[in-house]
């Protein structure tokens, strides 16, 4: 084999390896308890009780999608995927690592073709929500953070009427957008704790204030990704006794895991 042939093969193998390494691992759940356990209970809920969405959440619909506060759900009608790609796109800031909700498909406007779910960042197919859903949970987790989820109508000649209730999502608390959760993110949270978010925002729940809920989201993500920061409760405020017990327990768990796996202290 010539040098050029060897080089060509090496390049192909390198590109394939990089693509494989960057591929997201996605897990679909049809049980909300299992989904919640997968994200260590760290998630936010959009209840659609009014027309104002949670901070950092937005949507676009190519059709007639809108929030129905009277029924407390989002509703839309999507025709077949083959008909000009009608879609709903949900976007999140900061990025998320899990998404789901209670879905009802069918009803007025056609029994539908199902919904196809994609990560809008890389157009990766996640799965299909069957047109038999009648209020049940469907969601997924991803080991790669994403900024948006796209819903399109499944194949077929009919349109899909659907509603989404209690939409849930798990923020990825990466303050400096370097793709990992580490000491720098904890230090940013500590610097902002008890006040307004800074340029590298630690306001993970989007309420305009950096507090214990943001700390809990960050701590939960350390549990998920197993990074090495020494995460202890910030001292900027004095929490309630019950909250303090939970924070101490969580911090102790992180220290134990460090010792067990030989992770160096910060």
Protein backbone atom coordinates (compact mmCIF):
# COMPACT_ATOMS: atom_id res chain seq x y z
CA UNK A 1 0.00 0.00 0.00
CA UNK A 2 1.42 3.40 -1.00
CA UNK A 3 1.96 6.26 1.42
CA UNK A 4 -0.92 8.16 -0.16
CA UNK A 5 -3.25 5.18 0.31
CA UNK A 6 -2.13 4.77 3.93
CA UNK A 7 -2.69 8.48 4.57
CA UNK A 8 -6.15 8.34 2.98
CA UNK A 9 -7.18 5.37 5.11
CA UNK A 10 -5.86 7.08 8.24
CA UNK A 11 -7.85 10.24 7.50
CA UNK A 12 -11.05 8.24 6.96
CA UNK A 13 -10.51 6.36 10.23
CA UNK A 14 -9.82 9.62 12.08
CA UNK A 15 -12.98 11.27 10.74
CA UNK A 16 -15.04 8.19 11.58
CA UNK A 17 -13.62 8.08 15.11
CA UNK A 18 -14.35 11.76 15.66
CA UNK A 19 -17.92 11.35 14.43
CA UNK A 20 -18.42 8.35 16.70
CA UNK A 21 -16.97 10.19 19.70
CA UNK A 22 -19.26 13.18 19.12
CA UNK A 23 -22.43 11.13 18.68
CA UNK A 24 -24.95 11.75 21.43
CA UNK A 25 -26.26 8.89 23.54
CA UNK A 26 -30.02 9.37 23.85
CA UNK A 27 -32.35 7.36 26.08
CA UNK A 28 -36.14 7.51 25.67
CA UNK A 29 -38.49 7.16 28.66
CA UNK A 30 -42.24 6.56 28.83
CA UNK A 31 -42.33 6.64 32.63
CA UNK A 32 -41.84 10.03 34.28
CA UNK A 33 -40.44 8.56 37.50
CA UNK A 34 -37.72 6.75 35.56
CA UNK A 35 -36.96 9.93 33.62
CA UNK A 36 -36.82 11.96 36.83
CA UNK A 37 -34.46 9.44 38.42
CA UNK A 38 -32.22 9.61 35.35
CA UNK A 39 -31.75 13.36 35.89
CA UNK A 40 -31.44 13.00 39.68
CA UNK A 41 -34.69 14.90 40.12
CA UNK A 42 -33.10 18.09 38.78
CA UNK A 43 -35.57 19.54 36.28
CA UNK A 44 -37.91 22.46 35.70
CA UNK A 45 -41.58 22.35 34.66
CA UNK A 46 -43.50 24.62 32.30
CA UNK A 47 -47.17 24.25 33.25
CA UNK A 48 -48.61 26.59 30.57
CA UNK A 49 -50.84 28.20 33.22
CA UNK A 50 -50.54 31.53 31.38
CA UNK A 51 -49.08 32.90 28.15
CA UNK A 52 -45.72 33.71 29.78
CA UNK A 53 -43.21 30.89 29.47
CA UNK A 54 -40.44 30.11 31.96
CA UNK A 55 -37.38 32.31 31.53
CA UNK A 56 -35.08 30.95 28.84
CA UNK A 57 -37.83 28.93 27.13
CA UNK A 58 -39.31 29.83 23.74
CA UNK A 59 -41.05 28.15 20.82
CA UNK A 60 -41.68 28.65 17.13
CA UNK A 61 -44.44 26.97 15.15
CA UNK A 62 -44.76 26.94 11.39
CA UNK A 63 -48.46 26.24 11.85
CA UNK A 64 -51.00 27.47 14.42
CA UNK A 65 -49.23 26.41 17.61
CA UNK A 66 -50.13 28.38 20.72
CA UNK A 67 -50.48 28.20 24.50
CA UNK A 68 -53.99 27.52 25.80
CA UNK A 69 -53.98 28.93 29.38
CA UNK A 70 -57.60 27.94 29.96
CA UNK A 71 -56.69 24.26 29.49
CA UNK A 72 -53.10 24.76 30.72
CA UNK A 73 -51.39 23.14 27.76
CA UNK A 74 -49.67 23.94 24.46
CA UNK A 75 -51.47 22.83 21.31
CA UNK A 76 -50.56 22.58 17.65
CA UNK A 77 -51.55 20.81 14.42
CA UNK A 78 -48.81 19.36 12.22
CA UNK A 79 -49.41 17.81 8.83
CA UNK A 80 -47.33 15.00 7.36
CA UNK A 81 -43.55 15.32 7.49
CA UNK A 82 -43.58 15.16 3.68
CA UNK A 83 -45.68 18.33 3.37
CA UNK A 84 -43.18 21.23 3.66
CA UNK A 85 -41.91 20.10 7.06
CA UNK A 86 -44.47 21.73 9.39
CA UNK A 87 -42.89 21.74 12.83
CA UNK A 88 -42.77 23.01 16.39
CA UNK A 89 -39.35 23.92 17.81
CA UNK A 90 -38.73 24.40 21.53
CA UNK A 91 -35.57 26.35 22.41
CA UNK A 92 -33.77 26.58 25.76
CA UNK A 93 -31.21 28.87 27.38
CA UNK A 94 -29.13 27.51 29.04
CA UNK A 95 -28.80 24.24 27.17
CA UNK A 96 -30.62 21.17 28.42
CA UNK A 97 -29.78 17.48 28.76
CA UNK A 98 -33.32 16.12 29.12
CA UNK A 99 -36.80 16.92 27.80
CA UNK A 100 -40.31 15.54 28.07
CA UNK A 101 -43.95 16.09 28.91
CA UNK A 102 -47.45 14.68 28.97
CA UNK A 103 -48.73 14.26 25.43
CA UNK A 104 -52.21 13.91 23.94
CA UNK A 105 -52.39 13.16 20.21
CA UNK A 106 -55.43 12.93 17.97
CA UNK A 107 -58.66 14.70 18.76
CA UNK A 108 -60.22 17.41 16.57
CA UNK A 109 -58.28 17.90 13.35
CA UNK A 110 -57.49 14.27 12.62
CA UNK A 111 -56.31 11.17 14.44
CA UNK A 112 -52.85 11.92 13.14
CA UNK A 113 -49.67 10.20 12.03
CA UNK A 114 -47.62 10.44 15.28
CA UNK A 115 -44.95 13.01 16.13
CA UNK A 116 -41.31 12.60 15.20
CA UNK A 117 -38.85 14.11 17.69
CA UNK A 118 -35.39 15.46 16.77
CA UNK A 119 -32.64 17.40 18.50
CA UNK A 120 -32.71 20.61 16.50
CA UNK A 121 -28.99 21.31 17.07
CA UNK A 122 -27.77 18.39 14.95
CA UNK A 123 -31.06 17.06 13.55
CA UNK A 124 -30.57 13.75 15.36
CA UNK A 125 -33.69 11.58 15.38
CA UNK A 126 -34.78 10.81 18.95
CA UNK A 127 -37.96 8.79 18.52
CA UNK A 128 -41.68 8.87 17.72
CA UNK A 129 -44.62 9.71 19.97
CA UNK A 130 -47.45 7.40 18.95
CA UNK A 131 -50.82 8.81 17.89
CA UNK A 132 -52.36 6.60 20.59
CA UNK A 133 -50.99 8.82 23.38
CA UNK A 134 -53.73 10.14 25.64
CA UNK A 135 -51.97 12.17 28.32
CA UNK A 136 -49.09 9.81 29.05
CA UNK A 137 -45.48 10.80 29.59
CA UNK A 138 -42.82 10.68 26.86
CA UNK A 139 -39.35 12.12 27.21
CA UNK A 140 -35.64 11.54 26.73
CA UNK A 141 -32.19 12.27 28.14
CA UNK A 142 -29.02 13.09 26.22
CA UNK A 143 -25.40 12.92 27.32
CA UNK A 144 -24.72 15.82 24.95
CA UNK A 145 -26.28 19.20 25.83
CA UNK A 146 -28.71 20.63 23.30
CA UNK A 147 -30.37 23.99 22.72
CA UNK A 148 -33.58 22.97 20.97
CA UNK A 149 -36.03 20.12 20.36
CA UNK A 150 -37.94 19.83 17.08
CA UNK A 151 -41.31 18.11 16.56
CA UNK A 152 -42.59 17.25 13.08
CA UNK A 153 -45.59 15.32 11.81
CA UNK A 154 -45.04 11.64 11.07
CA UNK A 155 -45.33 10.14 7.61
CA UNK A 156 -48.81 9.75 6.13
CA UNK A 157 -51.58 11.78 4.58
CA UNK A 158 -53.29 12.97 7.76
CA UNK A 159 -52.48 15.81 10.11
CA UNK A 160 -51.51 15.45 13.75
CA UNK A 161 -53.37 17.47 16.35
CA UNK A 162 -51.53 17.36 19.68
CA UNK A 163 -51.33 19.00 23.08
CA UNK A 164 -48.38 19.13 25.48
CA UNK A 165 -48.91 19.48 29.22
CA UNK A 166 -46.37 19.86 32.06
CA UNK A 167 -43.35 20.18 29.78
CA UNK A 168 -40.20 19.24 31.73
CA UNK A 169 -36.53 19.89 30.98
CA UNK A 170 -33.20 19.61 32.77
CA UNK A 171 -30.83 22.59 32.38
CA UNK A 172 -27.14 21.95 31.74
CA UNK A 173 -25.36 24.30 34.19
CA UNK A 174 -22.35 25.17 32.06
CA UNK A 175 -21.70 28.81 32.97
CA UNK A 176 -18.75 29.37 30.63
CA UNK A 177 -20.04 27.26 27.69
CA UNK A 178 -16.95 25.04 27.55
CA UNK A 179 -19.03 21.87 27.37
CA UNK A 180 -18.12 20.48 30.79
CA UNK A 181 -19.25 20.99 34.38
CA UNK A 182 -16.20 21.72 36.52
CA UNK A 183 -14.66 23.94 39.19
CA UNK A 184 -15.01 27.05 37.01
CA UNK A 185 -18.80 26.68 36.95
CA UNK A 186 -18.95 26.29 40.71
CA UNK A 187 -16.71 29.35 41.18
CA UNK A 188 -18.98 31.39 38.89
CA UNK A 189 -22.01 30.32 40.91
CA UNK A 190 -20.26 31.16 44.18
CA UNK A 191 -19.34 34.64 42.93
CA UNK A 192 -22.94 35.34 41.87
CA UNK A 193 -24.70 33.59 44.74
CA UNK A 194 -27.34 35.70 46.46
CA UNK A 195 -27.53 38.26 43.65
CA UNK A 196 -28.14 38.78 39.97
CA UNK A 197 -26.45 36.56 37.36
CA UNK A 198 -23.19 37.75 35.78
CA UNK A 199 -21.88 37.51 32.23
CA UNK A 200 -21.15 33.80 32.72
CA UNK A 201 -24.58 33.28 34.22
CA UNK A 202 -25.23 30.78 37.01
CA UNK A 203 -28.98 31.47 36.90
CA UNK A 204 -29.86 27.97 35.72
CA UNK A 205 -33.56 28.17 36.53
CA UNK A 206 -33.98 31.51 34.79
CA UNK A 207 -35.59 33.41 37.67
CA UNK A 208 -33.16 36.34 37.53
CA UNK A 209 -31.50 35.42 40.83
CA UNK A 210 -28.69 33.02 41.71
CA UNK A 211 -29.72 30.96 44.72
CA UNK A 212 -30.17 27.53 46.24
CA UNK A 213 -32.21 26.16 43.33
CA UNK A 214 -29.32 26.97 40.98
CA UNK A 215 -26.89 25.31 43.38
CA UNK A 216 -29.10 22.20 43.44
CA UNK A 217 -29.12 22.05 39.62
CA UNK A 218 -25.33 22.36 39.52
CA UNK A 219 -24.85 19.71 42.20
CA UNK A 220 -27.22 17.36 40.38
CA UNK A 221 -25.21 17.71 37.18
CA UNK A 222 -22.00 16.82 39.00
CA UNK A 223 -23.76 13.62 40.06
CA UNK A 224 -24.66 12.93 36.44
CA UNK A 225 -21.34 13.65 34.73
CA UNK A 226 -18.95 12.76 37.56
CA UNK A 227 -16.70 15.79 37.26
CA UNK A 228 -14.15 16.67 39.91
CA UNK A 229 -15.20 19.94 41.55
CA UNK A 230 -15.55 20.14 45.31
CA UNK A 231 -19.16 21.36 45.42
CA UNK A 232 -20.19 22.71 48.83
CA UNK A 233 -23.09 24.97 49.67
CA UNK A 234 -22.29 28.69 49.23
CA UNK A 235 -22.20 30.70 52.47
CA UNK A 236 -23.74 33.88 51.08
CA UNK A 237 -27.08 33.08 52.71
CA UNK A 238 -28.19 30.92 55.63
CA UNK A 239 -30.66 28.28 54.36
CA UNK A 240 -33.52 26.79 56.31
CA UNK A 241 -32.50 23.84 58.55
CA UNK A 242 -34.18 21.25 56.31
CA UNK A 243 -32.46 22.68 53.23
CA UNK A 244 -29.13 22.77 55.04
CA UNK A 245 -29.42 19.07 55.90
CA UNK A 246 -29.98 18.25 52.23
CA UNK A 247 -27.03 20.37 51.13
CA UNK A 248 -24.72 18.78 53.69
CA UNK A 249 -25.85 15.29 52.63
CA UNK A 250 -25.28 16.12 48.97
CA UNK A 251 -21.85 17.55 49.60
CA UNK A 252 -20.84 14.54 51.67
CA UNK A 253 -21.84 12.28 48.80
CA UNK A 254 -19.57 14.19 46.43
CA UNK A 255 -16.62 13.96 48.84
CA UNK A 256 -17.16 10.21 49.31
CA UNK A 257 -17.25 9.66 45.55
CA UNK A 258 -14.02 11.60 45.17
CA UNK A 259 -12.27 9.39 47.70
CA UNK A 260 -13.72 6.21 46.22
CA UNK A 261 -12.60 7.00 42.68
CA UNK A 262 -9.42 8.82 43.56
CA UNK A 263 -10.60 12.16 42.19
CA UNK A 264 -8.24 14.92 43.39
CA UNK A 265 -9.62 17.65 45.64
CA UNK A 266 -9.81 21.20 44.26
